[in-house]
Amino acid sequence: GIVSNRQQWEHDNWADFADVIEVND
């Protein structure tokens, strides 16, 4: 029932890096 490292990272940082990440098939 507590926030994990995974969840905290996405909450804090996804908006800053989403446009740069490019994932192939």
mmCIF file of all heavy atoms, coordinates in Angstrom:
data_MODEL
# 
_entry.id   MODEL 
# 
loop_
_atom_site.group_PDB 
_atom_site.id 
_atom_site.type_symbol 
_atom_site.label_atom_id 
_atom_site.label_alt_id 
_atom_site.label_comp_id 
_atom_site.label_asym_id 
_atom_site.label_entity_id 
_atom_site.label_seq_id 
_atom_site.pdbx_PDB_ins_code 
_atom_site.Cartn_x 
_atom_site.Cartn_y 
_atom_site.Cartn_z 
_atom_site.occupancy 
_atom_site.B_iso_or_equiv 
_atom_site.pdbx_formal_charge 
_atom_site.auth_seq_id 
_atom_site.auth_comp_id 
_atom_site.auth_asym_id 
_atom_site.auth_atom_id 
_atom_site.pdbx_PDB_model_num 
ATOM 1   N N   . GLY A 1 1  ? 0.776  -1.230 0.000   1.00 0.00 ? 1  GLY A N   1 
ATOM 2   C CA  . GLY A 1 1  ? 0.000  0.000  0.000   1.00 0.00 ? 1  GLY A CA  1 
ATOM 3   C C   . GLY A 1 1  ? 0.806  1.277  0.000   1.00 0.00 ? 1  GLY A C   1 
ATOM 4   O O   . GLY A 1 1  ? 0.269  2.345  0.318   1.00 0.00 ? 1  GLY A O   1 
ATOM 5   N N   . ILE A 1 2  ? 2.108  1.202  -0.341  1.00 0.00 ? 2  ILE A N   1 
ATOM 6   C CA  . ILE A 1 2  ? 2.909  2.420  -0.381  1.00 0.00 ? 2  ILE A CA  1 
ATOM 7   C C   . ILE A 1 2  ? 3.460  2.632  -1.789  1.00 0.00 ? 2  ILE A C   1 
ATOM 8   O O   . ILE A 1 2  ? 3.536  1.708  -2.597  1.00 0.00 ? 2  ILE A O   1 
ATOM 9   C CB  . ILE A 1 2  ? 4.061  2.372  0.641   1.00 0.00 ? 2  ILE A CB  1 
ATOM 10  C CG1 . ILE A 1 2  ? 5.023  1.224  0.339   1.00 0.00 ? 2  ILE A CG1 1 
ATOM 11  C CG2 . ILE A 1 2  ? 3.530  2.263  2.055   1.00 0.00 ? 2  ILE A CG2 1 
ATOM 12  C CD1 . ILE A 1 2  ? 6.232  1.213  1.237   1.00 0.00 ? 2  ILE A CD1 1 
ATOM 13  N N   . VAL A 1 3  ? 3.834  3.861  -2.072  1.00 0.00 ? 3  VAL A N   1 
ATOM 14  C CA  . VAL A 1 3  ? 4.340  4.226  -3.401  1.00 0.00 ? 3  VAL A CA  1 
ATOM 15  C C   . VAL A 1 3  ? 5.721  3.610  -3.588  1.00 0.00 ? 3  VAL A C   1 
ATOM 16  O O   . VAL A 1 3  ? 6.603  3.749  -2.744  1.00 0.00 ? 3  VAL A O   1 
ATOM 17  C CB  . VAL A 1 3  ? 4.403  5.755  -3.556  1.00 0.00 ? 3  VAL A CB  1 
ATOM 18  C CG1 . VAL A 1 3  ? 5.026  6.131  -4.892  1.00 0.00 ? 3  VAL A CG1 1 
ATOM 19  C CG2 . VAL A 1 3  ? 3.011  6.360  -3.425  1.00 0.00 ? 3  VAL A CG2 1 
ATOM 20  N N   . SER A 1 4  ? 5.917  2.947  -4.711  1.00 0.00 ? 4  SER A N   1 
ATOM 21  C CA  . SER A 1 4  ? 7.198  2.310  -4.999  1.00 0.00 ? 4  SER A CA  1 
ATOM 22  C C   . SER A 1 4  ? 8.122  3.269  -5.739  1.00 0.00 ? 4  SER A C   1 
ATOM 23  O O   . SER A 1 4  ? 7.712  4.326  -6.219  1.00 0.00 ? 4  SER A O   1 
ATOM 24  C CB  . SER A 1 4  ? 6.977  1.060  -5.858  1.00 0.00 ? 4  SER A CB  1 
ATOM 25  O OG  . SER A 1 4  ? 6.492  1.435  -7.143  1.00 0.00 ? 4  SER A OG  1 
ATOM 26  N N   . ASN A 1 5  ? 9.371  2.867  -5.853  1.00 0.00 ? 5  ASN A N   1 
ATOM 27  C CA  . ASN A 1 5  ? 10.351 3.640  -6.617  1.00 0.00 ? 5  ASN A CA  1 
ATOM 28  C C   . ASN A 1 5  ? 9.896  3.803  -8.066  1.00 0.00 ? 5  ASN A C   1 
ATOM 29  O O   . ASN A 1 5  ? 10.015 4.885  -8.660  1.00 0.00 ? 5  ASN A O   1 
ATOM 30  C CB  . ASN A 1 5  ? 11.703 2.934  -6.548  1.00 0.00 ? 5  ASN A CB  1 
ATOM 31  C CG  . ASN A 1 5  ? 12.857 3.805  -7.021  1.00 0.00 ? 5  ASN A CG  1 
ATOM 32  O OD1 . ASN A 1 5  ? 12.918 4.995  -6.721  1.00 0.00 ? 5  ASN A OD1 1 
ATOM 33  N ND2 . ASN A 1 5  ? 13.768 3.211  -7.765  1.00 0.00 ? 5  ASN A ND2 1 
ATOM 34  N N   . ARG A 1 6  ? 9.379  2.741  -8.636  1.00 0.00 ? 6  ARG A N   1 
ATOM 35  C CA  . ARG A 1 6  ? 8.876  2.762  -10.012 1.00 0.00 ? 6  ARG A CA  1 
ATOM 36  C C   . ARG A 1 6  ? 7.795  3.827  -10.182 1.00 0.00 ? 6  ARG A C   1 
ATOM 37  O O   . ARG A 1 6  ? 7.832  4.645  -11.114 1.00 0.00 ? 6  ARG A O   1 
ATOM 38  C CB  . ARG A 1 6  ? 8.316  1.366  -10.340 1.00 0.00 ? 6  ARG A CB  1 
ATOM 39  C CG  . ARG A 1 6  ? 7.546  1.257  -11.629 1.00 0.00 ? 6  ARG A CG  1 
ATOM 40  C CD  . ARG A 1 6  ? 6.901  -0.115 -11.741 1.00 0.00 ? 6  ARG A CD  1 
ATOM 41  N NE  . ARG A 1 6  ? 5.636  -0.211 -11.016 1.00 0.00 ? 6  ARG A NE  1 
ATOM 42  C CZ  . ARG A 1 6  ? 4.463  0.131  -11.512 1.00 0.00 ? 6  ARG A CZ  1 
ATOM 43  N NH1 . ARG A 1 6  ? 4.371  0.612  -12.735 1.00 0.00 ? 6  ARG A NH1 1 
ATOM 44  N NH2 . ARG A 1 6  ? 3.362  -0.008 -10.796 1.00 0.00 ? 6  ARG A NH2 1 
ATOM 45  N N   . GLN A 1 7  ? 6.833  3.838  -9.287  1.00 0.00 ? 7  GLN A N   1 
ATOM 46  C CA  . GLN A 1 7  ? 5.722  4.785  -9.375  1.00 0.00 ? 7  GLN A CA  1 
ATOM 47  C C   . GLN A 1 7  ? 6.190  6.216  -9.133  1.00 0.00 ? 7  GLN A C   1 
ATOM 48  O O   . GLN A 1 7  ? 5.740  7.149  -9.799  1.00 0.00 ? 7  GLN A O   1 
ATOM 49  C CB  . GLN A 1 7  ? 4.646  4.401  -8.366  1.00 0.00 ? 7  GLN A CB  1 
ATOM 50  C CG  . GLN A 1 7  ? 3.949  3.088  -8.678  1.00 0.00 ? 7  GLN A CG  1 
ATOM 51  C CD  . GLN A 1 7  ? 3.078  2.599  -7.534  1.00 0.00 ? 7  GLN A CD  1 
ATOM 52  O OE1 . GLN A 1 7  ? 3.433  2.761  -6.355  1.00 0.00 ? 7  GLN A OE1 1 
ATOM 53  N NE2 . GLN A 1 7  ? 1.948  2.004  -7.851  1.00 0.00 ? 7  GLN A NE2 1 
ATOM 54  N N   . GLN A 1 8  ? 7.116  6.381  -8.192  1.00 0.00 ? 8  GLN A N   1 
ATOM 55  C CA  . GLN A 1 8  ? 7.601  7.723  -7.875  1.00 0.00 ? 8  GLN A CA  1 
ATOM 56  C C   . GLN A 1 8  ? 8.370  8.315  -9.042  1.00 0.00 ? 8  GLN A C   1 
ATOM 57  O O   . GLN A 1 8  ? 8.225  9.499  -9.355  1.00 0.00 ? 8  GLN A O   1 
ATOM 58  C CB  . GLN A 1 8  ? 8.489  7.673  -6.636  1.00 0.00 ? 8  GLN A CB  1 
ATOM 59  C CG  . GLN A 1 8  ? 8.777  9.053  -6.048  1.00 0.00 ? 8  GLN A CG  1 
ATOM 60  C CD  . GLN A 1 8  ? 7.517  9.713  -5.490  1.00 0.00 ? 8  GLN A CD  1 
ATOM 61  O OE1 . GLN A 1 8  ? 6.819  9.141  -4.670  1.00 0.00 ? 8  GLN A OE1 1 
ATOM 62  N NE2 . GLN A 1 8  ? 7.217  10.914 -5.954  1.00 0.00 ? 8  GLN A NE2 1 
ATOM 63  N N   . TRP A 1 9  ? 9.174  7.491  -9.704  1.00 0.00 ? 9  TRP A N   1 
ATOM 64  C CA  . TRP A 1 9  ? 9.925  7.972  -10.859 1.00 0.00 ? 9  TRP A CA  1 
ATOM 65  C C   . TRP A 1 9  ? 8.988  8.458  -11.958 1.00 0.00 ? 9  TRP A C   1 
ATOM 66  O O   . TRP A 1 9  ? 9.197  9.525  -12.542 1.00 0.00 ? 9  TRP A O   1 
ATOM 67  C CB  . TRP A 1 9  ? 10.823 6.854  -11.397 1.00 0.00 ? 9  TRP A CB  1 
ATOM 68  C CG  . TRP A 1 9  ? 12.236 6.980  -10.945 1.00 0.00 ? 9  TRP A CG  1 
ATOM 69  C CD1 . TRP A 1 9  ? 12.781 6.490  -9.798  1.00 0.00 ? 9  TRP A CD1 1 
ATOM 70  C CD2 . TRP A 1 9  ? 13.290 7.656  -11.621 1.00 0.00 ? 9  TRP A CD2 1 
ATOM 71  N NE1 . TRP A 1 9  ? 14.108 6.818  -9.718  1.00 0.00 ? 9  TRP A NE1 1 
ATOM 72  C CE2 . TRP A 1 9  ? 14.448 7.531  -10.824 1.00 0.00 ? 9  TRP A CE2 1 
ATOM 73  C CE3 . TRP A 1 9  ? 13.366 8.348  -12.821 1.00 0.00 ? 9  TRP A CE3 1 
ATOM 74  C CZ2 . TRP A 1 9  ? 15.677 8.080  -11.196 1.00 0.00 ? 9  TRP A CZ2 1 
ATOM 75  C CZ3 . TRP A 1 9  ? 14.593 8.894  -13.198 1.00 0.00 ? 9  TRP A CZ3 1 
ATOM 76  C CH2 . TRP A 1 9  ? 15.721 8.762  -12.390 1.00 0.00 ? 9  TRP A CH2 1 
ATOM 77  N N   . GLU A 1 10 ? 7.969  7.677  -12.258 1.00 0.00 ? 10 GLU A N   1 
ATOM 78  C CA  . GLU A 1 10 ? 7.053  8.080  -13.323 1.00 0.00 ? 10 GLU A CA  1 
ATOM 79  C C   . GLU A 1 10 ? 6.325  9.371  -12.956 1.00 0.00 ? 10 GLU A C   1 
ATOM 80  O O   . GLU A 1 10 ? 6.148  10.269 -13.789 1.00 0.00 ? 10 GLU A O   1 
ATOM 81  C CB  . GLU A 1 10 ? 6.050  6.967  -13.619 1.00 0.00 ? 10 GLU A CB  1 
ATOM 82  C CG  . GLU A 1 10 ? 5.146  7.290  -14.805 1.00 0.00 ? 10 GLU A CG  1 
ATOM 83  C CD  . GLU A 1 10 ? 4.286  6.114  -15.228 1.00 0.00 ? 10 GLU A CD  1 
ATOM 84  O OE1 . GLU A 1 10 ? 4.398  5.029  -14.624 1.00 0.00 ? 10 GLU A OE1 1 
ATOM 85  O OE2 . GLU A 1 10 ? 3.492  6.287  -16.172 1.00 0.00 ? 10 GLU A OE2 1 
ATOM 86  N N   . HIS A 1 11 ? 5.907  9.472  -11.701 1.00 0.00 ? 11 HIS A N   1 
ATOM 87  C CA  . HIS A 1 11 ? 5.204  10.671 -11.245 1.00 0.00 ? 11 HIS A CA  1 
ATOM 88  C C   . HIS A 1 11 ? 6.090  11.912 -11.361 1.00 0.00 ? 11 HIS A C   1 
ATOM 89  O O   . HIS A 1 11 ? 5.651  12.976 -11.811 1.00 0.00 ? 11 HIS A O   1 
ATOM 90  C CB  . HIS A 1 11 ? 4.752  10.491 -9.800  1.00 0.00 ? 11 HIS A CB  1 
ATOM 91  C CG  . HIS A 1 11 ? 4.092  11.696 -9.207  1.00 0.00 ? 11 HIS A CG  1 
ATOM 92  N ND1 . HIS A 1 11 ? 4.810  12.697 -8.572  1.00 0.00 ? 11 HIS A ND1 1 
ATOM 93  C CD2 . HIS A 1 11 ? 2.790  12.093 -9.162  1.00 0.00 ? 11 HIS A CD2 1 
ATOM 94  C CE1 . HIS A 1 11 ? 3.985  13.641 -8.161  1.00 0.00 ? 11 HIS A CE1 1 
ATOM 95  N NE2 . HIS A 1 11 ? 2.750  13.303 -8.502  1.00 0.00 ? 11 HIS A NE2 1 
ATOM 96  N N   . ASP A 1 12 ? 7.366  11.771 -10.979 1.00 0.00 ? 12 ASP A N   1 
ATOM 97  C CA  . ASP A 1 12 ? 8.256  12.931 -10.905 1.00 0.00 ? 12 ASP A CA  1 
ATOM 98  C C   . ASP A 1 12 ? 8.922  13.285 -12.230 1.00 0.00 ? 12 ASP A C   1 
ATOM 99  O O   . ASP A 1 12 ? 9.236  14.462 -12.460 1.00 0.00 ? 12 ASP A O   1 
ATOM 100 C CB  . ASP A 1 12 ? 9.358  12.676 -9.867  1.00 0.00 ? 12 ASP A CB  1 
ATOM 101 C CG  . ASP A 1 12 ? 8.836  12.595 -8.441  1.00 0.00 ? 12 ASP A CG  1 
ATOM 102 O OD1 . ASP A 1 12 ? 7.675  13.007 -8.209  1.00 0.00 ? 12 ASP A OD1 1 
ATOM 103 O OD2 . ASP A 1 12 ? 9.574  12.102 -7.565  1.00 0.00 ? 12 ASP A OD2 1 
ATOM 104 N N   . ASN A 1 13 ? 9.160  12.289 -13.097 1.00 0.00 ? 13 ASN A N   1 
ATOM 105 C CA  . ASN A 1 13 ? 10.082 12.520 -14.207 1.00 0.00 ? 13 ASN A CA  1 
ATOM 106 C C   . ASN A 1 13 ? 9.557  12.216 -15.607 1.00 0.00 ? 13 ASN A C   1 
ATOM 107 O O   . ASN A 1 13 ? 10.199 12.613 -16.590 1.00 0.00 ? 13 ASN A O   1 
ATOM 108 C CB  . ASN A 1 13 ? 11.361 11.683 -13.983 1.00 0.00 ? 13 ASN A CB  1 
ATOM 109 C CG  . ASN A 1 13 ? 12.090 12.059 -12.718 1.00 0.00 ? 13 ASN A CG  1 
ATOM 110 O OD1 . ASN A 1 13 ? 12.517 13.196 -12.556 1.00 0.00 ? 13 ASN A OD1 1 
ATOM 111 N ND2 . ASN A 1 13 ? 12.229 11.105 -11.796 1.00 0.00 ? 13 ASN A ND2 1 
ATOM 112 N N   . TRP A 1 14 ? 8.435  11.516 -15.736 1.00 0.00 ? 14 TRP A N   1 
ATOM 113 C CA  . TRP A 1 14 ? 7.992  11.100 -17.062 1.00 0.00 ? 14 TRP A CA  1 
ATOM 114 C C   . TRP A 1 14 ? 7.796  12.293 -17.997 1.00 0.00 ? 14 TRP A C   1 
ATOM 115 O O   . TRP A 1 14 ? 8.232  12.273 -19.161 1.00 0.00 ? 14 TRP A O   1 
ATOM 116 C CB  . TRP A 1 14 ? 6.716  10.276 -16.970 1.00 0.00 ? 14 TRP A CB  1 
ATOM 117 C CG  . TRP A 1 14 ? 6.177  9.864  -18.311 1.00 0.00 ? 14 TRP A CG  1 
ATOM 118 C CD1 . TRP A 1 14 ? 5.050  10.327 -18.927 1.00 0.00 ? 14 TRP A CD1 1 
ATOM 119 C CD2 . TRP A 1 14 ? 6.744  8.904  -19.219 1.00 0.00 ? 14 TRP A CD2 1 
ATOM 120 N NE1 . TRP A 1 14 ? 4.876  9.715  -20.150 1.00 0.00 ? 14 TRP A NE1 1 
ATOM 121 C CE2 . TRP A 1 14 ? 5.910  8.840  -20.359 1.00 0.00 ? 14 TRP A CE2 1 
ATOM 122 C CE3 . TRP A 1 14 ? 7.879  8.103  -19.184 1.00 0.00 ? 14 TRP A CE3 1 
ATOM 123 C CZ2 . TRP A 1 14 ? 6.181  8.011  -21.442 1.00 0.00 ? 14 TRP A CZ2 1 
ATOM 124 C CZ3 . TRP A 1 14 ? 8.154  7.271  -20.264 1.00 0.00 ? 14 TRP A CZ3 1 
ATOM 125 C CH2 . TRP A 1 14 ? 7.303  7.234  -21.372 1.00 0.00 ? 14 TRP A CH2 1 
ATOM 126 N N   . ALA A 1 15 ? 7.192  13.347 -17.525 1.00 0.00 ? 15 ALA A N   1 
ATOM 127 C CA  . ALA A 1 15 ? 6.900  14.501 -18.391 1.00 0.00 ? 15 ALA A CA  1 
ATOM 128 C C   . ALA A 1 15 ? 8.176  15.123 -18.945 1.00 0.00 ? 15 ALA A C   1 
ATOM 129 O O   . ALA A 1 15 ? 8.185  15.658 -20.060 1.00 0.00 ? 15 ALA A O   1 
ATOM 130 C CB  . ALA A 1 15 ? 6.096  15.544 -17.611 1.00 0.00 ? 15 ALA A CB  1 
ATOM 131 N N   . ASP A 1 16 ? 9.274  15.037 -18.190 1.00 0.00 ? 16 ASP A N   1 
ATOM 132 C CA  . ASP A 1 16 ? 10.529 15.655 -18.628 1.00 0.00 ? 16 ASP A CA  1 
ATOM 133 C C   . ASP A 1 16 ? 11.248 14.836 -19.692 1.00 0.00 ? 16 ASP A C   1 
ATOM 134 O O   . ASP A 1 16 ? 12.054 15.393 -20.453 1.00 0.00 ? 16 ASP A O   1 
ATOM 135 C CB  . ASP A 1 16 ? 11.472 15.841 -17.431 1.00 0.00 ? 16 ASP A CB  1 
ATOM 136 C CG  . ASP A 1 16 ? 10.959 16.872 -16.438 1.00 0.00 ? 16 ASP A CG  1 
ATOM 137 O OD1 . ASP A 1 16 ? 10.217 17.778 -16.857 1.00 0.00 ? 16 ASP A OD1 1 
ATOM 138 O OD2 . ASP A 1 16 ? 11.294 16.755 -15.247 1.00 0.00 ? 16 ASP A OD2 1 
ATOM 139 N N   . PHE A 1 17 ? 10.982 13.539 -19.757 1.00 0.00 ? 17 PHE A N   1 
ATOM 140 C CA  . PHE A 1 17 ? 11.765 12.672 -20.634 1.00 0.00 ? 17 PHE A CA  1 
ATOM 141 C C   . PHE A 1 17 ? 10.951 11.949 -21.704 1.00 0.00 ? 17 PHE A C   1 
ATOM 142 O O   . PHE A 1 17 ? 11.523 11.348 -22.615 1.00 0.00 ? 17 PHE A O   1 
ATOM 143 C CB  . PHE A 1 17 ? 12.515 11.634 -19.788 1.00 0.00 ? 17 PHE A CB  1 
ATOM 144 C CG  . PHE A 1 17 ? 13.529 12.226 -18.855 1.00 0.00 ? 17 PHE A CG  1 
ATOM 145 C CD1 . PHE A 1 17 ? 13.256 12.370 -17.504 1.00 0.00 ? 17 PHE A CD1 1 
ATOM 146 C CD2 . PHE A 1 17 ? 14.751 12.658 -19.333 1.00 0.00 ? 17 PHE A CD2 1 
ATOM 147 C CE1 . PHE A 1 17 ? 14.188 12.926 -16.642 1.00 0.00 ? 17 PHE A CE1 1 
ATOM 148 C CE2 . PHE A 1 17 ? 15.697 13.217 -18.476 1.00 0.00 ? 17 PHE A CE2 1 
ATOM 149 C CZ  . PHE A 1 17 ? 15.414 13.354 -17.129 1.00 0.00 ? 17 PHE A CZ  1 
ATOM 150 N N   . ALA A 1 18 ? 9.647  12.002 -21.621 1.00 0.00 ? 18 ALA A N   1 
ATOM 151 C CA  . ALA A 1 18 ? 8.805  11.216 -22.535 1.00 0.00 ? 18 ALA A CA  1 
ATOM 152 C C   . ALA A 1 18 ? 9.085  11.528 -23.998 1.00 0.00 ? 18 ALA A C   1 
ATOM 153 O O   . ALA A 1 18 ? 9.117  10.624 -24.848 1.00 0.00 ? 18 ALA A O   1 
ATOM 154 C CB  . ALA A 1 18 ? 7.332  11.456 -22.214 1.00 0.00 ? 18 ALA A CB  1 
ATOM 155 N N   . ASP A 1 19 ? 9.299  12.790 -24.332 1.00 0.00 ? 19 ASP A N   1 
ATOM 156 C CA  . ASP A 1 19 ? 9.495  13.174 -25.728 1.00 0.00 ? 19 ASP A CA  1 
ATOM 157 C C   . ASP A 1 19 ? 10.814 12.683 -26.298 1.00 0.00 ? 19 ASP A C   1 
ATOM 158 O O   . ASP A 1 19 ? 10.964 12.583 -27.531 1.00 0.00 ? 19 ASP A O   1 
ATOM 159 C CB  . ASP A 1 19 ? 9.423  14.698 -25.874 1.00 0.00 ? 19 ASP A CB  1 
ATOM 160 C CG  . ASP A 1 19 ? 8.021  15.243 -25.648 1.00 0.00 ? 19 ASP A CG  1 
ATOM 161 O OD1 . ASP A 1 19 ? 7.061  14.442 -25.726 1.00 0.00 ? 19 ASP A OD1 1 
ATOM 162 O OD2 . ASP A 1 19 ? 7.885  16.450 -25.392 1.00 0.00 ? 19 ASP A OD2 1 
ATOM 163 N N   . VAL A 1 20 ? 11.773 12.360 -25.447 1.00 0.00 ? 20 VAL A N   1 
ATOM 164 C CA  . VAL A 1 20 ? 13.102 11.965 -25.919 1.00 0.00 ? 20 VAL A CA  1 
ATOM 165 C C   . VAL A 1 20 ? 13.208 10.450 -26.087 1.00 0.00 ? 20 VAL A C   1 
ATOM 166 O O   . VAL A 1 20 ? 13.975 9.957  -26.911 1.00 0.00 ? 20 VAL A O   1 
ATOM 167 C CB  . VAL A 1 20 ? 14.187 12.464 -24.931 1.00 0.00 ? 20 VAL A CB  1 
ATOM 168 C CG1 . VAL A 1 20 ? 15.585 12.194 -25.477 1.00 0.00 ? 20 VAL A CG1 1 
ATOM 169 C CG2 . VAL A 1 20 ? 14.005 13.951 -24.660 1.00 0.00 ? 20 VAL A CG2 1 
ATOM 170 N N   . ILE A 1 21 ? 12.431 9.709  -25.333 1.00 0.00 ? 21 ILE A N   1 
ATOM 171 C CA  . ILE A 1 21 ? 12.510 8.248  -25.376 1.00 0.00 ? 21 ILE A CA  1 
ATOM 172 C C   . ILE A 1 21 ? 11.898 7.728  -26.677 1.00 0.00 ? 21 ILE A C   1 
ATOM 173 O O   . ILE A 1 21 ? 10.776 8.082  -27.041 1.00 0.00 ? 21 ILE A O   1 
ATOM 174 C CB  . ILE A 1 21 ? 11.777 7.637  -24.166 1.00 0.00 ? 21 ILE A CB  1 
ATOM 175 C CG1 . ILE A 1 21 ? 12.489 8.046  -22.868 1.00 0.00 ? 21 ILE A CG1 1 
ATOM 176 C CG2 . ILE A 1 21 ? 11.700 6.119  -24.278 1.00 0.00 ? 21 ILE A CG2 1 
ATOM 177 C CD1 . ILE A 1 21 ? 11.741 7.669  -21.610 1.00 0.00 ? 21 ILE A CD1 1 
ATOM 178 N N   . GLU A 1 22 ? 12.652 6.888  -27.388 1.00 0.00 ? 22 GLU A N   1 
ATOM 179 C CA  . GLU A 1 22 ? 12.182 6.266  -28.629 1.00 0.00 ? 22 GLU A CA  1 
ATOM 180 C C   . GLU A 1 22 ? 12.393 4.758  -28.523 1.00 0.00 ? 22 GLU A C   1 
ATOM 181 O O   . GLU A 1 22 ? 13.534 4.291  -28.440 1.00 0.00 ? 22 GLU A O   1 
ATOM 182 C CB  . GLU A 1 22 ? 12.940 6.815  -29.837 1.00 0.00 ? 22 GLU A CB  1 
ATOM 183 C CG  . GLU A 1 22 ? 12.680 8.281  -30.129 1.00 0.00 ? 22 GLU A CG  1 
ATOM 184 C CD  . GLU A 1 22 ? 13.381 8.754  -31.383 1.00 0.00 ? 22 GLU A CD  1 
ATOM 185 O OE1 . GLU A 1 22 ? 14.157 7.961  -31.974 1.00 0.00 ? 22 GLU A OE1 1 
ATOM 186 O OE2 . GLU A 1 22 ? 13.158 9.912  -31.788 1.00 0.00 ? 22 GLU A OE2 1 
ATOM 187 N N   . VAL A 1 23 ? 11.294 4.002  -28.545 1.00 0.00 ? 23 VAL A N   1 
ATOM 188 C CA  . VAL A 1 23 ? 11.344 2.556  -28.323 1.00 0.00 ? 23 VAL A CA  1 
ATOM 189 C C   . VAL A 1 23 ? 10.984 1.834  -29.612 1.00 0.00 ? 23 VAL A C   1 
ATOM 190 O O   . VAL A 1 23 ? 9.901  2.039  -30.176 1.00 0.00 ? 23 VAL A O   1 
ATOM 191 C CB  . VAL A 1 23 ? 10.382 2.128  -27.197 1.00 0.00 ? 23 VAL A CB  1 
ATOM 192 C CG1 . VAL A 1 23 ? 10.558 0.644  -26.884 1.00 0.00 ? 23 VAL A CG1 1 
ATOM 193 C CG2 . VAL A 1 23 ? 10.609 2.975  -25.945 1.00 0.00 ? 23 VAL A CG2 1 
ATOM 194 N N   . ASN A 1 24 ? 11.871 0.974  -30.066 1.00 0.00 ? 24 ASN A N   1 
ATOM 195 C CA  . ASN A 1 24 ? 11.626 0.191  -31.274 1.00 0.00 ? 24 ASN A CA  1 
ATOM 196 C C   . ASN A 1 24 ? 10.806 -1.054 -30.959 1.00 0.00 ? 24 ASN A C   1 
ATOM 197 O O   . ASN A 1 24 ? 10.617 -1.413 -29.789 1.00 0.00 ? 24 ASN A O   1 
ATOM 198 C CB  . ASN A 1 24 ? 12.957 -0.208 -31.916 1.00 0.00 ? 24 ASN A CB  1 
ATOM 199 C CG  . ASN A 1 24 ? 13.780 1.000  -32.341 1.00 0.00 ? 24 ASN A CG  1 
ATOM 200 O OD1 . ASN A 1 24 ? 13.275 1.888  -33.027 1.00 0.00 ? 24 ASN A OD1 1 
ATOM 201 N ND2 . ASN A 1 24 ? 15.038 1.040  -31.928 1.00 0.00 ? 24 ASN A ND2 1 
ATOM 202 N N   . ASP A 1 25 ? 10.321 -1.716 -31.999 1.00 0.00 ? 25 ASP A N   1 
ATOM 203 C CA  . ASP A 1 25 ? 9.460  -2.882 -31.803 1.00 0.00 ? 25 ASP A CA  1 
ATOM 204 C C   . ASP A 1 25 ? 10.158 -4.025 -31.072 1.00 0.00 ? 25 ASP A C   1 
ATOM 205 O O   . ASP A 1 25 ? 9.498  -4.857 -30.440 1.00 0.00 ? 25 ASP A O   1 
ATOM 206 C CB  . ASP A 1 25 ? 8.944  -3.385 -33.153 1.00 0.00 ? 25 ASP A CB  1 
ATOM 207 C CG  . ASP A 1 25 ? 7.954  -2.416 -33.792 1.00 0.00 ? 25 ASP A CG  1 
ATOM 208 O OD1 . ASP A 1 25 ? 7.411  -1.564 -33.055 1.00 0.00 ? 25 ASP A OD1 1 
ATOM 209 O OD2 . ASP A 1 25 ? 7.738  -2.494 -35.012 1.00 0.00 ? 25 ASP A OD2 1 
# 
